[in-house]
Amino acid sequence: PSVARKIASGAKSNTYEWLSMFPMFREWVSGSR
């Protein structure tokens, strides 16, 4: 646990497509997100 986080799995495998989006905030001046 010093280096990793536990993540639950509810099936044969897990899909990690969300890893391609490193979370960061930006100023929302106008227009859409």
Full PDB file with SEQRES, HELIX, SHEET, SSBOND, CRYST1, ORIGX, SCALE, CONECT and MASTER records, all heavy atoms in Angstrom:
SEQRES   1 A   33  PRO SER VAL ALA ARG LYS ILE ALA SER GLY ALA LYS SER          
SEQRES   2 A   33  ASN THR TYR GLU TRP LEU SER MET PHE PRO MET PHE ARG          
SEQRES   3 A   33  GLU TRP VAL SER GLY SER ARG                                  
HELIX    1 AA1 GLU A   17  SER A   20  5                                   4    
CRYST1    1.000    1.000    1.000  90.00  90.00  90.00 P 1           1          
ORIGX1      1.000000  0.000000  0.000000        0.00000                         
ORIGX2      0.000000  1.000000  0.000000        0.00000                         
ORIGX3      0.000000  0.000000  1.000000        0.00000                         
SCALE1      1.000000  0.000000  0.000000        0.00000                         
SCALE2      0.000000  1.000000  0.000000        0.00000                         
SCALE3      0.000000  0.000000  1.000000        0.00000                         
ATOM      1  N   PRO A   1       0.803  -1.235   0.000  1.00  0.00           N  
ATOM      2  CA  PRO A   1       0.000   0.000   0.000  1.00  0.00           C  
ATOM      3  C   PRO A   1       0.835   1.285   0.000  1.00  0.00           C  
ATOM      4  O   PRO A   1       0.304   2.364  -0.266  1.00  0.00           O  
ATOM      5  CB  PRO A   1      -0.824  -0.116   1.285  1.00  0.00           C  
ATOM      6  CG  PRO A   1      -0.914  -1.590   1.543  1.00  0.00           C  
ATOM      7  CD  PRO A   1       0.432  -2.101   1.138  1.00  0.00           C  
ATOM      8  N   SER A   2       2.145   1.172   0.275  1.00  0.00           N  
ATOM      9  CA  SER A   2       3.002   2.357   0.235  1.00  0.00           C  
ATOM     10  C   SER A   2       3.221   2.849  -1.183  1.00  0.00           C  
ATOM     11  O   SER A   2       3.553   4.021  -1.397  1.00  0.00           O  
ATOM     12  CB  SER A   2       4.362   2.042   0.874  1.00  0.00           C  
ATOM     13  OG  SER A   2       4.224   1.687   2.231  1.00  0.00           O  
ATOM     14  N   VAL A   3       3.042   1.962  -2.175  1.00  0.00           N  
ATOM     15  CA  VAL A   3       3.298   2.353  -3.560  1.00  0.00           C  
ATOM     16  C   VAL A   3       2.088   2.191  -4.464  1.00  0.00           C  
ATOM     17  O   VAL A   3       2.060   2.750  -5.575  1.00  0.00           O  
ATOM     18  CB  VAL A   3       4.470   1.530  -4.153  1.00  0.00           C  
ATOM     19  CG1 VAL A   3       5.723   1.691  -3.306  1.00  0.00           C  
ATOM     20  CG2 VAL A   3       4.118   0.061  -4.278  1.00  0.00           C  
ATOM     21  N   ALA A   4       1.100   1.414  -4.034  1.00  0.00           N  
ATOM     22  CA  ALA A   4      -0.029   1.076  -4.905  1.00  0.00           C  
ATOM     23  C   ALA A   4      -1.353   1.351  -4.207  1.00  0.00           C  
ATOM     24  O   ALA A   4      -1.416   1.501  -2.985  1.00  0.00           O  
ATOM     25  CB  ALA A   4       0.047  -0.394  -5.324  1.00  0.00           C  
ATOM     26  N   ARG A   5      -2.424   1.379  -4.989  1.00  0.00           N  
ATOM     27  CA  ARG A   5      -3.788   1.484  -4.467  1.00  0.00           C  
ATOM     28  C   ARG A   5      -4.544   0.236  -4.852  1.00  0.00           C  
ATOM     29  O   ARG A   5      -4.368  -0.288  -5.961  1.00  0.00           O  
ATOM     30  CB  ARG A   5      -4.510   2.695  -5.052  1.00  0.00           C  
ATOM     31  CG  ARG A   5      -3.830   4.004  -4.780  1.00  0.00           C  
ATOM     32  CD  ARG A   5      -4.260   4.626  -3.461  1.00  0.00           C  
ATOM     33  NE  ARG A   5      -3.386   5.736  -3.135  1.00  0.00           N  
ATOM     34  CZ  ARG A   5      -3.423   6.920  -3.730  1.00  0.00           C  
ATOM     35  NH1 ARG A   5      -4.312   7.138  -4.682  1.00  0.00           N  
ATOM     36  NH2 ARG A   5      -2.587   7.879  -3.394  1.00  0.00           N  
ATOM     37  N   LYS A   6      -5.406  -0.216  -3.972  1.00  0.00           N  
ATOM     38  CA  LYS A   6      -6.241  -1.375  -4.312  1.00  0.00           C  
ATOM     39  C   LYS A   6      -7.420  -0.896  -5.153  1.00  0.00           C  
ATOM     40  O   LYS A   6      -8.031   0.142  -4.879  1.00  0.00           O  
ATOM     41  CB  LYS A   6      -6.742  -2.077  -3.057  1.00  0.00           C  
ATOM     42  CG  LYS A   6      -7.602  -3.309  -3.348  1.00  0.00           C  
ATOM     43  CD  LYS A   6      -8.001  -4.034  -2.065  1.00  0.00           C  
ATOM     44  CE  LYS A   6      -6.823  -4.762  -1.458  1.00  0.00           C  
ATOM     45  NZ  LYS A   6      -7.241  -5.617  -0.301  1.00  0.00           N  
ATOM     46  N   ILE A   7      -7.716  -1.653  -6.185  1.00  0.00           N  
ATOM     47  CA  ILE A   7      -8.848  -1.353  -7.040  1.00  0.00           C  
ATOM     48  C   ILE A   7      -9.663  -2.630  -7.218  1.00  0.00           C  
ATOM     49  O   ILE A   7      -9.110  -3.703  -7.476  1.00  0.00           O  
ATOM     50  CB  ILE A   7      -8.386  -0.765  -8.398  1.00  0.00           C  
ATOM     51  CG1 ILE A   7      -9.570  -0.210  -9.183  1.00  0.00           C  
ATOM     52  CG2 ILE A   7      -7.604  -1.769  -9.215  1.00  0.00           C  
ATOM     53  CD1 ILE A   7      -9.160   0.680 -10.347  1.00  0.00           C  
ATOM     54  N   ALA A   8     -10.966  -2.522  -7.018  1.00  0.00           N  
ATOM     55  CA  ALA A   8     -11.821  -3.704  -7.073  1.00  0.00           C  
ATOM     56  C   ALA A   8     -12.036  -4.147  -8.508  1.00  0.00           C  
ATOM     57  O   ALA A   8     -12.049  -3.343  -9.440  1.00  0.00           O  
ATOM     58  CB  ALA A   8     -13.162  -3.414  -6.405  1.00  0.00           C  
ATOM     59  N   SER A   9     -12.219  -5.448  -8.650  1.00  0.00           N  
ATOM     60  CA  SER A   9     -12.528  -6.017  -9.956  1.00  0.00           C  
ATOM     61  C   SER A   9     -13.788  -6.859  -9.823  1.00  0.00           C  
ATOM     62  O   SER A   9     -13.884  -7.696  -8.918  1.00  0.00           O  
ATOM     63  CB  SER A   9     -11.365  -6.881 -10.452  1.00  0.00           C  
ATOM     64  OG  SER A   9     -11.688  -7.482 -11.697  1.00  0.00           O  
ATOM     65  N   GLY A  10     -14.740  -6.647 -10.718  1.00  0.00           N  
ATOM     66  CA  GLY A  10     -15.999  -7.376 -10.636  1.00  0.00           C  
ATOM     67  C   GLY A  10     -16.222  -8.322 -11.789  1.00  0.00           C  
ATOM     68  O   GLY A  10     -17.325  -8.826 -11.973  1.00  0.00           O  
ATOM     69  N   ALA A  11     -15.157  -8.580 -12.565  1.00  0.00           N  
ATOM     70  CA  ALA A  11     -15.312  -9.437 -13.737  1.00  0.00           C  
ATOM     71  C   ALA A  11     -13.994 -10.148 -14.015  1.00  0.00           C  
ATOM     72  O   ALA A  11     -13.066 -10.117 -13.207  1.00  0.00           O  
ATOM     73  CB  ALA A  11     -15.756  -8.618 -14.941  1.00  0.00           C  
ATOM     74  N   LYS A  12     -13.916 -10.766 -15.184  1.00  0.00           N  
ATOM     75  CA  LYS A  12     -12.714 -11.504 -15.578  1.00  0.00           C  
ATOM     76  C   LYS A  12     -11.520 -10.584 -15.718  1.00  0.00           C  
ATOM     77  O   LYS A  12     -10.375 -10.971 -15.486  1.00  0.00           O  
ATOM     78  CB  LYS A  12     -12.980 -12.239 -16.894  1.00  0.00           C  
ATOM     79  CG  LYS A  12     -11.823 -13.070 -17.394  1.00  0.00           C  
ATOM     80  CD  LYS A  12     -12.190 -13.780 -18.689  1.00  0.00           C  
ATOM     81  CE  LYS A  12     -11.038 -14.625 -19.204  1.00  0.00           C  
ATOM     82  NZ  LYS A  12     -11.388 -15.336 -20.469  1.00  0.00           N  
ATOM     83  N   SER A  13     -11.765  -9.321 -16.104  1.00  0.00           N  
ATOM     84  CA  SER A  13     -10.690  -8.363 -16.318  1.00  0.00           C  
ATOM     85  C   SER A  13     -11.201  -6.957 -16.045  1.00  0.00           C  
ATOM     86  O   SER A  13     -12.410  -6.724 -15.949  1.00  0.00           O  
ATOM     87  CB  SER A  13     -10.154  -8.462 -17.746  1.00  0.00           C  
ATOM     88  OG  SER A  13     -11.173  -8.161 -18.678  1.00  0.00           O  
ATOM     89  N   ASN A  14     -10.288  -6.023 -15.921  1.00  0.00           N  
ATOM     90  CA  ASN A  14     -10.607  -4.606 -15.807  1.00  0.00           C  
ATOM     91  C   ASN A  14     -10.086  -3.870 -17.032  1.00  0.00           C  
ATOM     92  O   ASN A  14      -9.011  -4.186 -17.545  1.00  0.00           O  
ATOM     93  CB  ASN A  14      -9.966  -3.988 -14.558  1.00  0.00           C  
ATOM     94  CG  ASN A  14     -10.751  -4.264 -13.301  1.00  0.00           C  
ATOM     95  OD1 ASN A  14     -11.500  -5.228 -13.234  1.00  0.00           O  
ATOM     96  ND2 ASN A  14     -10.551  -3.439 -12.284  1.00  0.00           N  
ATOM     97  N   THR A  15     -10.843  -2.863 -17.484  1.00  0.00           N  
ATOM     98  CA  THR A  15     -10.433  -2.033 -18.609  1.00  0.00           C  
ATOM     99  C   THR A  15     -10.119  -0.635 -18.086  1.00  0.00           C  
ATOM    100  O   THR A  15     -10.935  -0.033 -17.386  1.00  0.00           O  
ATOM    101  CB  THR A  15     -11.536  -1.964 -19.676  1.00  0.00           C  
ATOM    102  OG1 THR A  15     -11.822  -3.293 -20.133  1.00  0.00           O  
ATOM    103  CG2 THR A  15     -11.086  -1.122 -20.860  1.00  0.00           C  
ATOM    104  N   TYR A  16      -8.933  -0.114 -18.449  1.00  0.00           N  
ATOM    105  CA  TYR A  16      -8.441   1.130 -17.879  1.00  0.00           C  
ATOM    106  C   TYR A  16      -8.298   2.218 -18.943  1.00  0.00           C  
ATOM    107  O   TYR A  16      -7.267   2.876 -19.044  1.00  0.00           O  
ATOM    108  CB  TYR A  16      -7.091   0.899 -17.198  1.00  0.00           C  
ATOM    109  CG  TYR A  16      -7.171   0.017 -15.969  1.00  0.00           C  
ATOM    110  CD1 TYR A  16      -7.016  -1.361 -16.077  1.00  0.00           C  
ATOM    111  CD2 TYR A  16      -7.399   0.556 -14.708  1.00  0.00           C  
ATOM    112  CE1 TYR A  16      -7.087  -2.180 -14.957  1.00  0.00           C  
ATOM    113  CE2 TYR A  16      -7.468  -0.253 -13.579  1.00  0.00           C  
ATOM    114  CZ  TYR A  16      -7.321  -1.615 -13.722  1.00  0.00           C  
ATOM    115  OH  TYR A  16      -7.383  -2.426 -12.606  1.00  0.00           O  
ATOM    116  N   GLU A  17      -9.351   2.440 -19.735  1.00  0.00           N  
ATOM    117  CA  GLU A  17      -9.271   3.485 -20.748  1.00  0.00           C  
ATOM    118  C   GLU A  17      -9.143   4.875 -20.123  1.00  0.00           C  
ATOM    119  O   GLU A  17      -8.614   5.793 -20.735  1.00  0.00           O  
ATOM    120  CB  GLU A  17     -10.482   3.440 -21.685  1.00  0.00           C  
ATOM    121  CG  GLU A  17     -11.800   3.869 -21.079  1.00  0.00           C  
ATOM    122  CD  GLU A  17     -12.507   2.749 -20.332  1.00  0.00           C  
ATOM    123  OE1 GLU A  17     -11.968   1.639 -20.286  1.00  0.00           O  
ATOM    124  OE2 GLU A  17     -13.603   3.000 -19.786  1.00  0.00           O  
ATOM    125  N   TRP A  18      -9.604   5.033 -18.880  1.00  0.00           N  
ATOM    126  CA  TRP A  18      -9.558   6.332 -18.215  1.00  0.00           C  
ATOM    127  C   TRP A  18      -8.135   6.792 -17.890  1.00  0.00           C  
ATOM    128  O   TRP A  18      -7.892   7.968 -17.610  1.00  0.00           O  
ATOM    129  CB  TRP A  18     -10.387   6.309 -16.931  1.00  0.00           C  
ATOM    130  CG  TRP A  18     -10.035   5.194 -15.986  1.00  0.00           C  
ATOM    131  CD1 TRP A  18     -10.570   3.945 -15.969  1.00  0.00           C  
ATOM    132  CD2 TRP A  18      -9.077   5.230 -14.925  1.00  0.00           C  
ATOM    133  NE1 TRP A  18     -10.008   3.191 -14.966  1.00  0.00           N  
ATOM    134  CE2 TRP A  18      -9.095   3.952 -14.306  1.00  0.00           C  
ATOM    135  CE3 TRP A  18      -8.218   6.204 -14.425  1.00  0.00           C  
ATOM    136  CZ2 TRP A  18      -8.268   3.631 -13.228  1.00  0.00           C  
ATOM    137  CZ3 TRP A  18      -7.396   5.895 -13.351  1.00  0.00           C  
ATOM    138  CH2 TRP A  18      -7.432   4.616 -12.762  1.00  0.00           C  
ATOM    139  N   LEU A  19      -7.169   5.869 -17.938  1.00  0.00           N  
ATOM    140  CA  LEU A  19      -5.797   6.257 -17.618  1.00  0.00           C  
ATOM    141  C   LEU A  19      -5.206   7.220 -18.636  1.00  0.00           C  
ATOM    142  O   LEU A  19      -4.192   7.875 -18.367  1.00  0.00           O  
ATOM    143  CB  LEU A  19      -4.916   5.009 -17.525  1.00  0.00           C  
ATOM    144  CG  LEU A  19      -5.102   4.145 -16.271  1.00  0.00           C  
ATOM    145  CD1 LEU A  19      -4.273   2.877 -16.367  1.00  0.00           C  
ATOM    146  CD2 LEU A  19      -4.740   4.924 -15.005  1.00  0.00           C  
ATOM    147  N   SER A  20      -5.813   7.314 -19.823  1.00  0.00           N  
ATOM    148  CA  SER A  20      -5.290   8.234 -20.832  1.00  0.00           C  
ATOM    149  C   SER A  20      -5.639   9.686 -20.537  1.00  0.00           C  
ATOM    150  O   SER A  20      -5.211  10.583 -21.265  1.00  0.00           O  
ATOM    151  CB  SER A  20      -5.814   7.844 -22.221  1.00  0.00           C  
ATOM    152  OG  SER A  20      -7.223   7.990 -22.282  1.00  0.00           O  
ATOM    153  N   MET A  21      -6.388   9.923 -19.462  1.00  0.00           N  
ATOM    154  CA  MET A  21      -6.801  11.296 -19.136  1.00  0.00           C  
ATOM    155  C   MET A  21      -6.265  11.689 -17.770  1.00  0.00           C  
ATOM    156  O   MET A  21      -6.891  11.453 -16.738  1.00  0.00           O  
ATOM    157  CB  MET A  21      -8.333  11.407 -19.162  1.00  0.00           C  
ATOM    158  CG  MET A  21      -8.943  11.107 -20.511  1.00  0.00           C  
ATOM    159  SD  MET A  21     -10.739  11.350 -20.545  1.00  0.00           S  
ATOM    160  CE  MET A  21     -11.283  10.041 -19.443  1.00  0.00           C  
ATOM    161  N   PHE A  22      -5.055  12.253 -17.722  1.00  0.00           N  
ATOM    162  CA  PHE A  22      -4.486  12.723 -16.459  1.00  0.00           C  
ATOM    163  C   PHE A  22      -5.309  13.917 -15.984  1.00  0.00           C  
ATOM    164  O   PHE A  22      -5.454  14.907 -16.701  1.00  0.00           O  
ATOM    165  CB  PHE A  22      -3.026  13.119 -16.648  1.00  0.00           C  
ATOM    166  CG  PHE A  22      -2.266  13.245 -15.362  1.00  0.00           C  
ATOM    167  CD1 PHE A  22      -1.493  12.195 -14.898  1.00  0.00           C  
ATOM    168  CD2 PHE A  22      -2.331  14.410 -14.605  1.00  0.00           C  
ATOM    169  CE1 PHE A  22      -0.788  12.292 -13.708  1.00  0.00           C  
ATOM    170  CE2 PHE A  22      -1.644  14.518 -13.412  1.00  0.00           C  
ATOM    171  CZ  PHE A  22      -0.864  13.459 -12.960  1.00  0.00           C  
ATOM    172  N   PRO A  23      -5.884  13.854 -14.776  1.00  0.00           N  
ATOM    173  CA  PRO A  23      -6.812  14.908 -14.342  1.00  0.00           C  
ATOM    174  C   PRO A  23      -6.117  16.230 -14.031  1.00  0.00           C  
ATOM    175  O   PRO A  23      -5.209  16.304 -13.216  1.00  0.00           O  
ATOM    176  CB  PRO A  23      -7.443  14.309 -13.072  1.00  0.00           C  
ATOM    177  CG  PRO A  23      -6.445  13.320 -12.568  1.00  0.00           C  
ATOM    178  CD  PRO A  23      -5.751  12.771 -13.781  1.00  0.00           C  
ATOM    179  N   MET A  24      -6.567  17.303 -14.694  1.00  0.00           N  
ATOM    180  CA  MET A  24      -6.054  18.649 -14.459  1.00  0.00           C  
ATOM    181  C   MET A  24      -7.169  19.667 -14.656  1.00  0.00           C  
ATOM    182  O   MET A  24      -8.038  19.482 -15.516  1.00  0.00           O  
ATOM    183  CB  MET A  24      -4.908  18.974 -15.435  1.00  0.00           C  
ATOM    184  CG  MET A  24      -3.640  18.184 -15.238  1.00  0.00           C  
ATOM    185  SD  MET A  24      -2.322  18.799 -16.322  1.00  0.00           S  
ATOM    186  CE  MET A  24      -2.063  20.434 -15.631  1.00  0.00           C  
ATOM    187  N   PHE A  25      -7.153  20.739 -13.872  1.00  0.00           N  
ATOM    188  CA  PHE A  25      -8.105  21.835 -14.031  1.00  0.00           C  
ATOM    189  C   PHE A  25      -7.535  22.889 -14.986  1.00  0.00           C  
ATOM    190  O   PHE A  25      -6.318  23.036 -15.123  1.00  0.00           O  
ATOM    191  CB  PHE A  25      -8.417  22.485 -12.685  1.00  0.00           C  
ATOM    192  CG  PHE A  25      -9.639  21.919 -12.008  1.00  0.00           C  
ATOM    193  CD1 PHE A  25      -9.617  20.645 -11.449  1.00  0.00           C  
ATOM    194  CD2 PHE A  25     -10.811  22.648 -11.943  1.00  0.00           C  
ATOM    195  CE1 PHE A  25     -10.733  20.123 -10.831  1.00  0.00           C  
ATOM    196  CE2 PHE A  25     -11.941  22.129 -11.333  1.00  0.00           C  
ATOM    197  CZ  PHE A  25     -11.906  20.868 -10.768  1.00  0.00           C  
ATOM    198  N   ARG A  26      -8.450  23.606 -15.646  1.00  0.00           N  
ATOM    199  CA  ARG A  26      -8.097  24.735 -16.507  1.00  0.00           C  
ATOM    200  C   ARG A  26      -9.157  25.809 -16.333  1.00  0.00           C  
ATOM    201  O   ARG A  26     -10.274  25.530 -15.883  1.00  0.00           O  
ATOM    202  CB  ARG A  26      -8.034  24.298 -17.983  1.00  0.00           C  
ATOM    203  CG  ARG A  26      -9.351  23.737 -18.477  1.00  0.00           C  
ATOM    204  CD  ARG A  26      -9.287  23.256 -19.912  1.00  0.00           C  
ATOM    205  NE  ARG A  26      -9.305  24.339 -20.879  1.00  0.00           N  
ATOM    206  CZ  ARG A  26     -10.414  24.909 -21.351  1.00  0.00           C  
ATOM    207  NH1 ARG A  26     -11.622  24.503 -20.935  1.00  0.00           N  
ATOM    208  NH2 ARG A  26     -10.360  25.881 -22.225  1.00  0.00           N  
ATOM    209  N   GLU A  27      -8.796  27.027 -16.675  1.00  0.00           N  
ATOM    210  CA  GLU A  27      -9.782  28.102 -16.594  1.00  0.00           C  
ATOM    211  C   GLU A  27     -10.821  27.934 -17.701  1.00  0.00           C  
ATOM    212  O   GLU A  27     -10.494  27.703 -18.862  1.00  0.00           O  
ATOM    213  CB  GLU A  27      -9.107  29.465 -16.737  1.00  0.00           C  
ATOM    214  CG  GLU A  27     -10.091  30.611 -16.557  1.00  0.00           C  
ATOM    215  CD  GLU A  27      -9.433  31.976 -16.668  1.00  0.00           C  
ATOM    216  OE1 GLU A  27      -8.228  32.021 -17.011  1.00  0.00           O  
ATOM    217  OE2 GLU A  27     -10.120  32.990 -16.421  1.00  0.00           O  
ATOM    218  N   TRP A  28     -12.074  28.063 -17.319  1.00  0.00           N  
ATOM    219  CA  TRP A  28     -13.199  27.958 -18.259  1.00  0.00           C  
ATOM    220  C   TRP A  28     -13.678  29.386 -18.530  1.00  0.00           C  
ATOM    221  O   TRP A  28     -14.444  29.977 -17.768  1.00  0.00           O  
ATOM    222  CB  TRP A  28     -14.298  27.102 -17.639  1.00  0.00           C  
ATOM    223  CG  TRP A  28     -15.421  26.760 -18.570  1.00  0.00           C  
ATOM    224  CD1 TRP A  28     -15.597  27.156 -19.864  1.00  0.00           C  
ATOM    225  CD2 TRP A  28     -16.536  25.934 -18.257  1.00  0.00           C  
ATOM    226  NE1 TRP A  28     -16.737  26.628 -20.383  1.00  0.00           N  
ATOM    227  CE2 TRP A  28     -17.350  25.863 -19.410  1.00  0.00           C  
ATOM    228  CE3 TRP A  28     -16.954  25.235 -17.124  1.00  0.00           C  
ATOM    229  CZ2 TRP A  28     -18.541  25.150 -19.460  1.00  0.00           C  
ATOM    230  CZ3 TRP A  28     -18.122  24.525 -17.159  1.00  0.00           C  
ATOM    231  CH2 TRP A  28     -18.914  24.472 -18.317  1.00  0.00           C  
ATOM    232  N   VAL A  29     -13.197  29.964 -19.623  1.00  0.00           N  
ATOM    233  CA  VAL A  29     -13.493  31.363 -19.916  1.00  0.00           C  
ATOM    234  C   VAL A  29     -14.821  31.492 -20.639  1.00  0.00           C  
ATOM    235  O   VAL A  29     -15.699  32.260 -20.248  1.00  0.00           O  
ATOM    236  CB  VAL A  29     -12.356  31.983 -20.766  1.00  0.00           C  
ATOM    237  CG1 VAL A  29     -12.690  33.438 -21.105  1.00  0.00           C  
ATOM    238  CG2 VAL A  29     -11.038  31.902 -20.007  1.00  0.00           C  
ATOM    239  N   SER A  30     -14.992  30.746 -21.701  1.00  0.00           N  
ATOM    240  CA  SER A  30     -16.235  30.812 -22.473  1.00  0.00           C  
ATOM    241  C   SER A  30     -16.379  29.527 -23.273  1.00  0.00           C  
ATOM    242  O   SER A  30     -15.462  28.717 -23.357  1.00  0.00           O  
ATOM    243  CB  SER A  30     -16.224  32.019 -23.420  1.00  0.00           C  
ATOM    244  OG  SER A  30     -15.173  31.893 -24.359  1.00  0.00           O  
ATOM    245  N   GLY A  31     -17.542  29.398 -23.904  1.00  0.00           N  
ATOM    246  CA  GLY A  31     -17.769  28.222 -24.731  1.00  0.00           C  
ATOM    247  C   GLY A  31     -18.005  26.970 -23.898  1.00  0.00           C  
ATOM    248  O   GLY A  31     -18.284  27.030 -22.696  1.00  0.00           O  
ATOM    249  N   SER A  32     -17.892  25.807 -24.534  1.00  0.00           N  
ATOM    250  CA  SER A  32     -18.151  24.534 -23.855  1.00  0.00           C  
ATOM    251  C   SER A  32     -16.919  24.060 -23.084  1.00  0.00           C  
ATOM    252  O   SER A  32     -15.832  24.635 -23.202  1.00  0.00           O  
ATOM    253  CB  SER A  32     -18.565  23.474 -24.881  1.00  0.00           C  
ATOM    254  OG  SER A  32     -17.492  23.219 -25.766  1.00  0.00           O  
ATOM    255  N   ARG A  33     -17.101  23.037 -22.320  1.00  0.00           N  
ATOM    256  CA  ARG A  33     -15.994  22.394 -21.633  1.00  0.00           C  
ATOM    257  C   ARG A  33     -14.994  21.834 -22.646  1.00  0.00           C  
ATOM    258  O   ARG A  33     -15.325  21.603 -23.808  1.00  0.00           O  
ATOM    259  CB  ARG A  33     -16.504  21.250 -20.755  1.00  0.00           C  
ATOM    260  CG  ARG A  33     -17.306  21.704 -19.547  1.00  0.00           C  
ATOM    261  CD  ARG A  33     -17.851  20.494 -18.808  1.00  0.00           C  
ATOM    262  NE  ARG A  33     -18.577  20.867 -17.598  1.00  0.00           N  
ATOM    263  CZ  ARG A  33     -18.033  20.952 -16.384  1.00  0.00           C  
ATOM    264  NH1 ARG A  33     -16.754  20.671 -16.228  1.00  0.00           N  
ATOM    265  NH2 ARG A  33     -18.764  21.303 -15.346  1.00  0.00           N  
TER     266      ARG A  33                                                      
MASTER        0    0    0    1    0    0    0    6  265    1    0    3          
END                                                                             
